[in-house]
Amino acid sequence: MSLVAENGFRLLPGRLDPAAQRDLLAEVMRRVEAAPFYRPVTPGGKPMSVRMTNFGPLGWVTDAQAGYRYQPTHPQTGEPWPDIPPALLDLWREAADAPGPPDACLVNLYDAQARMSLHQDRDERDFDYPVLSVSLGDTAVFRIGGTSRRDPTRSVRLSSGDVCVLGGGARLAFHGIDRVLSGSSQLVPGGGRINLTLRRAGAST
C-alpha cells in the first residue's frame, strides 16, 4: 500500500484487500435491507443520478421542500439509520487523523450513467473533521480542485478498495465524479460502484 498526499488530500490505493472488500460489502448490503437505497431530489426538484442511503446517527438528505440537511431518520421509511460498520470506524481511527468519531456515513450507489458534479462538502458543523471516502466496485474517475470553482482540477482514478481523505486544505475542495468505468470490477452484484463517505455532521463533542 502506498500513500499519495497533497494539500490535505490523501489517497491510500488498495487499502482494503479483496477479502476485506467482500466483508465490508456484506456489512453494507445487510444494512441496506433496513435502509434501502433511494433517489434523492435536489432543492431545484431534479432527481440525482446516484441512489443513496446512510448509516450512523445522522444521514445526509435532500429534497425540493427543505433542501440539503442531515437528519436521524430515513426519509422514506421514517426509521433510524443503521449503525456504521465497525470496519469503517476502524479505518476512520487509522486514517482520518480526526479529533473524534464520525456520526454520519453517506452511501452512494453509482451505475454506469451516474455522475456527481463538482461540489463542496459544507453542510457539516465542524470542518476540523475530514471526510473519509471508501470505494467498492467499479472504478470511478474522481475530479478534485481547490476551494474556488475557478481553481484548476485534476483527475484521479479510484478503484475498489481505495481510501481517500479530504482534510486540512482539501477539506472544502471542490470535487466530483466524472464517470464510472462499467465492468471494471465484479464486486458489486449487478455492477456499479458503492462509495462510503464518513464525516462528522453534528457539533463536535
Protein backbone atom coordinates (compact mmCIF):
# COMPACT_ATOMS: atom_id res chain seq x y z
CA MET A 1 0.00 0.00 0.00
CA SER A 2 1.34 3.43 -0.95
CA LEU A 3 0.21 6.83 0.22
CA VAL A 4 -0.29 9.81 -2.06
CA ALA A 5 -0.70 13.12 -0.22
CA GLU A 6 -1.24 16.67 -1.47
CA ASN A 7 -2.50 19.73 0.42
CA GLY A 8 -4.70 17.71 2.77
CA PHE A 9 -5.91 15.24 0.14
CA ARG A 10 -4.60 11.77 0.90
CA LEU A 11 -5.06 8.65 -1.22
CA LEU A 12 -4.41 5.14 0.07
CA PRO A 13 -4.63 2.91 -3.02
CA GLY A 14 -5.71 -0.66 -2.30
CA ARG A 15 -6.09 -0.05 1.42
CA LEU A 16 -8.73 -2.81 1.54
CA ASP A 17 -7.67 -6.14 0.06
CA PRO A 18 -10.23 -8.26 -1.85
CA ALA A 19 -11.30 -10.22 1.24
CA ALA A 20 -11.81 -7.02 3.25
CA GLN A 21 -13.80 -5.54 0.36
CA ARG A 22 -16.12 -8.54 0.26
CA ASP A 23 -16.60 -8.47 4.02
CA LEU A 24 -17.37 -4.75 4.02
CA LEU A 25 -19.79 -5.10 1.10
CA ALA A 26 -21.66 -7.81 3.01
CA GLU A 27 -21.98 -5.50 6.02
CA VAL A 28 -23.18 -2.67 3.78
CA MET A 29 -25.81 -4.76 1.99
CA ARG A 30 -27.11 -6.19 5.27
CA ARG A 31 -27.78 -2.65 6.45
CA VAL A 32 -29.31 -1.64 3.11
CA GLU A 33 -32.05 -4.20 3.76
CA ALA A 34 -33.18 -1.98 6.65
CA ALA A 35 -32.40 1.36 4.96
CA PRO A 36 -32.92 0.85 1.21
CA PHE A 37 -31.30 2.93 -1.48
CA TYR A 38 -33.50 5.74 -2.82
CA ARG A 39 -33.03 8.56 -5.34
CA PRO A 40 -32.75 11.99 -3.71
CA VAL A 41 -34.09 15.17 -5.28
CA THR A 42 -32.16 18.44 -5.29
CA PRO A 43 -33.65 21.68 -3.92
CA GLY A 44 -34.34 22.62 -7.55
CA GLY A 45 -36.51 19.50 -7.95
CA LYS A 46 -34.09 17.48 -10.09
CA PRO A 47 -33.56 13.78 -9.23
CA MET A 48 -29.90 12.96 -8.58
CA SER A 49 -28.24 10.37 -10.81
CA VAL A 50 -26.98 8.39 -7.81
CA ARG A 51 -29.09 6.40 -5.41
CA MET A 52 -28.17 6.65 -1.77
CA THR A 53 -28.73 5.72 1.85
CA ASN A 54 -26.92 6.45 5.12
CA PHE A 55 -25.53 4.79 8.23
CA GLY A 56 -24.94 6.28 11.66
CA PRO A 57 -26.79 8.67 13.98
CA LEU A 58 -27.22 11.24 11.18
CA GLY A 59 -27.76 10.91 7.45
CA TRP A 60 -27.48 13.43 4.62
CA VAL A 61 -30.71 14.00 2.68
CA THR A 62 -32.09 16.47 0.18
CA ASP A 63 -35.49 17.24 -1.29
CA ALA A 64 -37.25 20.04 -3.13
CA GLN A 65 -39.01 21.27 0.02
CA ALA A 66 -36.29 21.56 2.68
CA GLY A 67 -33.06 21.28 0.69
CA TYR A 68 -29.75 19.84 1.89
CA ARG A 69 -29.56 18.71 5.52
CA TYR A 70 -28.72 15.94 7.98
CA GLN A 71 -31.44 14.08 9.84
CA PRO A 72 -31.63 10.97 12.06
CA THR A 73 -34.18 9.01 10.01
CA HIS A 74 -34.60 7.56 6.51
CA PRO A 75 -36.88 9.90 4.51
CA GLN A 76 -38.94 7.05 3.07
CA THR A 77 -39.18 4.53 5.92
CA GLY A 78 -39.07 7.01 8.82
CA GLU A 79 -36.76 4.61 10.66
CA PRO A 80 -33.39 5.48 12.22
CA TRP A 81 -30.37 4.85 10.03
CA PRO A 82 -28.45 1.59 10.70
CA ASP A 83 -25.17 1.73 12.58
CA ILE A 84 -21.85 2.43 10.86
CA PRO A 85 -19.97 -0.85 10.14
CA PRO A 86 -17.13 -1.40 12.62
CA ALA A 87 -14.60 -1.84 9.79
CA LEU A 88 -15.32 1.72 8.67
CA LEU A 89 -14.87 3.05 12.19
CA ASP A 90 -11.52 1.26 12.33
CA LEU A 91 -10.49 2.94 9.07
CA TRP A 92 -11.51 6.33 10.47
CA ARG A 93 -9.40 5.84 13.58
CA GLU A 94 -6.45 4.74 11.46
CA ALA A 95 -6.54 7.24 8.61
CA ALA A 96 -8.69 10.27 9.41
CA ASP A 97 -6.48 12.00 12.00
CA ALA A 98 -9.67 13.46 13.46
CA PRO A 99 -10.42 14.85 16.93
CA GLY A 100 -13.30 12.41 17.42
CA PRO A 101 -15.54 9.79 15.78
CA PRO A 102 -17.79 10.26 12.75
CA ASP A 103 -21.55 10.47 13.17
CA ALA A 104 -22.59 10.01 9.54
CA CYS A 105 -21.77 7.68 6.67
CA LEU A 106 -23.20 8.54 3.27
CA VAL A 107 -23.63 5.55 0.95
CA ASN A 108 -23.87 6.40 -2.74
CA LEU A 109 -24.64 3.79 -5.40
CA TYR A 110 -23.41 4.69 -8.91
CA ASP A 111 -24.42 2.87 -12.05
CA ALA A 112 -22.67 3.43 -15.38
CA GLN A 113 -24.69 6.60 -16.10
CA ALA A 114 -24.34 8.23 -12.66
CA ARG A 115 -22.25 11.34 -12.12
CA MET A 116 -21.57 13.77 -9.30
CA SER A 117 -20.95 17.37 -10.30
CA LEU A 118 -18.23 19.44 -8.65
CA HIS A 119 -19.31 20.42 -5.16
CA GLN A 120 -18.04 21.18 -1.67
CA ASP A 121 -18.97 19.17 1.43
CA ARG A 122 -20.03 22.06 3.65
CA ASP A 123 -23.29 21.01 5.32
CA GLU A 124 -21.32 19.85 8.39
CA ARG A 125 -20.84 21.86 11.60
CA ASP A 126 -17.07 21.45 12.15
CA PHE A 127 -14.59 21.47 9.26
CA ASP A 128 -11.76 20.32 11.54
CA TYR A 129 -13.14 16.84 10.86
CA PRO A 130 -12.12 15.42 7.47
CA VAL A 131 -14.22 13.44 5.01
CA LEU A 132 -13.01 9.86 4.52
CA SER A 133 -14.12 8.01 1.42
CA VAL A 134 -14.06 4.26 0.64
CA SER A 135 -14.62 2.89 -2.88
CA LEU A 136 -16.17 -0.52 -3.58
CA GLY A 137 -16.84 -1.93 -7.05
CA ASP A 138 -16.31 -0.25 -10.39
CA THR A 139 -13.51 2.30 -10.79
CA ALA A 140 -14.55 5.97 -10.76
CA VAL A 141 -12.86 8.95 -12.36
CA PHE A 142 -12.69 11.38 -9.44
CA ARG A 143 -12.04 15.09 -10.06
CA ILE A 144 -10.65 17.38 -7.38
CA GLY A 145 -9.80 21.08 -7.46
CA GLY A 146 -9.32 23.84 -4.93
CA THR A 147 -11.63 25.83 -2.69
CA SER A 148 -12.79 28.03 -5.58
CA ARG A 149 -14.68 26.83 -8.65
CA ARG A 150 -12.11 28.73 -10.72
CA ASP A 151 -9.19 26.67 -9.38
CA PRO A 152 -7.65 24.08 -11.73
CA THR A 153 -8.72 20.47 -11.27
CA ARG A 154 -7.10 17.10 -11.78
CA SER A 155 -8.44 13.58 -12.22
CA VAL A 156 -7.69 10.55 -10.07
CA ARG A 157 -8.96 7.02 -10.64
CA LEU A 158 -10.50 5.48 -7.53
CA SER A 159 -10.59 1.68 -7.69
CA SER A 160 -12.27 -0.85 -5.45
CA GLY A 161 -10.55 -0.91 -2.06
CA ASP A 162 -9.09 2.60 -2.36
CA VAL A 163 -9.49 5.01 0.55
CA CYS A 164 -9.08 8.78 0.32
CA VAL A 165 -9.26 11.57 2.86
CA LEU A 166 -10.15 15.22 2.33
CA GLY A 167 -8.80 17.18 5.26
CA GLY A 168 -6.81 20.28 6.04
CA GLY A 169 -6.53 22.50 2.97
CA ALA A 170 -8.55 19.99 0.94
CA ARG A 171 -11.49 19.75 3.34
CA LEU A 172 -13.52 22.27 1.32
CA ALA A 173 -12.03 21.41 -2.06
CA PHE A 174 -14.47 21.14 -4.95
CA HIS A 175 -14.69 17.53 -6.09
CA GLY A 176 -16.93 15.18 -8.04
CA ILE A 177 -17.24 12.03 -10.13
CA ASP A 178 -16.86 12.45 -13.90
CA ARG A 179 -17.78 8.88 -14.80
CA VAL A 180 -17.80 5.27 -13.65
CA LEU A 181 -15.93 2.64 -15.65
CA SER A 182 -18.60 -0.01 -16.02
CA GLY A 183 -17.37 -3.60 -15.72
CA SER A 184 -14.02 -2.71 -14.17
CA SER A 185 -14.94 -4.72 -11.06
CA GLN A 186 -17.11 -7.75 -10.34
CA LEU A 187 -17.51 -6.98 -6.63
CA VAL A 188 -20.96 -5.39 -6.54
CA PRO A 189 -23.74 -7.75 -7.67
CA GLY A 190 -25.25 -6.37 -10.85
CA GLY A 191 -22.33 -4.00 -11.30
CA GLY A 192 -21.78 -0.43 -10.23
CA ARG A 193 -19.83 1.41 -7.57
CA ILE A 194 -20.61 1.97 -3.91
CA ASN A 195 -18.94 4.95 -2.27
CA LEU A 196 -18.99 5.31 1.52
CA THR A 197 -18.06 8.68 3.00
CA LEU A 198 -17.56 9.14 6.71
CA ARG A 199 -17.85 12.57 8.29
CA ARG A 200 -18.81 14.47 11.41
CA ALA A 201 -22.07 16.22 10.65
CA GLY A 202 -23.15 17.49 14.06
CA ALA A 203 -21.39 19.62 16.62
CA SER A 204 -18.09 18.19 17.87
CA THR A 205 -18.06 16.66 21.34
